Amino acid sequence: MLSNNSVVHVKLISIPYYLTHPYADSRKRARKKWRQSPKGKAWDKKYGQRPAVKARRKELYIQRLIRECANER
């Protein structure tokens, strides 16, 4: 049993990109199917209207404009 004062050290292992979870492709297909369903489309629309999401998209839009202007010069 661990006391409150004990410290547990955990070594984090990075998994190479080619060793993905066995169900990763299935989950990806399921998410895509759900997002294209009426319920998923409604959720996506509501999510895009959140103030935090709008602010993040606006910031990315401004950064993209700045990058494009810098590339034209």
Protein backbone atom coordinates (compact mmCIF):
# COMPACT_ATOMS: atom_id res chain seq x y z
CA MET A 1 0.00 0.00 0.00
CA LEU A 2 1.29 3.47 -0.87
CA SER A 3 1.35 6.15 1.75
CA ASN A 4 0.48 9.74 0.90
CA ASN A 5 4.16 10.75 1.00
CA SER A 6 5.44 8.16 -1.46
CA VAL A 7 6.37 9.10 -5.00
CA VAL A 8 5.71 6.81 -7.91
CA HIS A 9 8.04 7.16 -10.88
CA VAL A 10 6.61 6.18 -14.22
CA LYS A 11 8.71 5.94 -17.34
CA LEU A 12 6.82 7.23 -20.36
CA ILE A 13 7.36 5.21 -23.48
CA SER A 14 6.84 6.88 -26.82
CA ILE A 15 5.13 4.59 -29.29
CA PRO A 16 6.36 4.83 -32.89
CA TYR A 17 3.79 6.16 -35.34
CA TYR A 18 3.66 2.86 -37.21
CA LEU A 19 2.56 0.93 -34.10
CA THR A 20 -0.96 2.24 -33.76
CA HIS A 21 -3.83 0.74 -31.82
CA PRO A 22 -5.41 -2.27 -33.56
CA TYR A 23 -8.83 -0.56 -33.64
CA ALA A 24 -7.56 2.85 -34.81
CA ASP A 25 -8.82 2.47 -38.39
CA SER A 26 -12.20 1.19 -37.24
CA ARG A 27 -12.59 4.10 -34.82
CA LYS A 28 -11.59 6.58 -37.52
CA ARG A 29 -14.25 5.19 -39.87
CA ALA A 30 -16.86 5.27 -37.09
CA ARG A 31 -16.06 8.91 -36.24
CA LYS A 32 -16.31 9.86 -39.91
CA LYS A 33 -19.63 8.07 -40.26
CA TRP A 34 -20.98 9.73 -37.11
CA ARG A 35 -19.85 13.21 -38.20
CA GLN A 36 -21.73 12.76 -41.49
CA SER A 37 -24.93 11.67 -39.72
CA PRO A 38 -27.63 14.27 -38.94
CA LYS A 39 -26.81 14.09 -35.22
CA GLY A 40 -23.08 14.57 -35.90
CA LYS A 41 -23.71 17.48 -38.27
CA ALA A 42 -25.89 19.17 -35.64
CA TRP A 43 -23.19 18.69 -33.01
CA ASP A 44 -20.54 20.06 -35.36
CA LYS A 45 -22.62 23.17 -36.08
CA LYS A 46 -23.21 23.82 -32.36
CA TYR A 47 -19.51 23.25 -31.60
CA GLY A 48 -18.46 25.77 -34.24
CA GLN A 49 -20.68 28.41 -32.64
CA ARG A 50 -18.96 28.21 -29.23
CA PRO A 51 -17.16 31.46 -28.32
CA ALA A 52 -13.85 29.74 -27.56
CA VAL A 53 -13.90 27.89 -30.87
CA LYS A 54 -14.79 31.05 -32.79
CA ALA A 55 -11.91 32.92 -31.14
CA ARG A 56 -9.45 30.11 -31.93
CA ARG A 57 -10.54 29.95 -35.57
CA LYS A 58 -10.33 33.72 -35.90
CA GLU A 59 -6.78 33.68 -34.49
CA LEU A 60 -5.75 30.92 -36.92
CA TYR A 61 -7.32 32.88 -39.79
CA ILE A 62 -5.32 35.99 -38.89
CA GLN A 63 -2.10 33.98 -38.59
CA ARG A 64 -2.72 32.41 -42.00
CA LEU A 65 -3.29 35.85 -43.56
CA ILE A 66 -0.03 37.10 -42.06
CA ARG A 67 1.85 34.06 -43.39
CA GLU A 68 0.36 34.51 -46.87
CA CYS A 69 1.26 38.19 -46.93
CA ALA A 70 4.82 37.36 -45.83
CA ASN A 71 5.15 34.76 -48.60
CA GLU A 72 4.04 37.22 -51.29
CA ARG A 73 6.92 39.56 -50.56
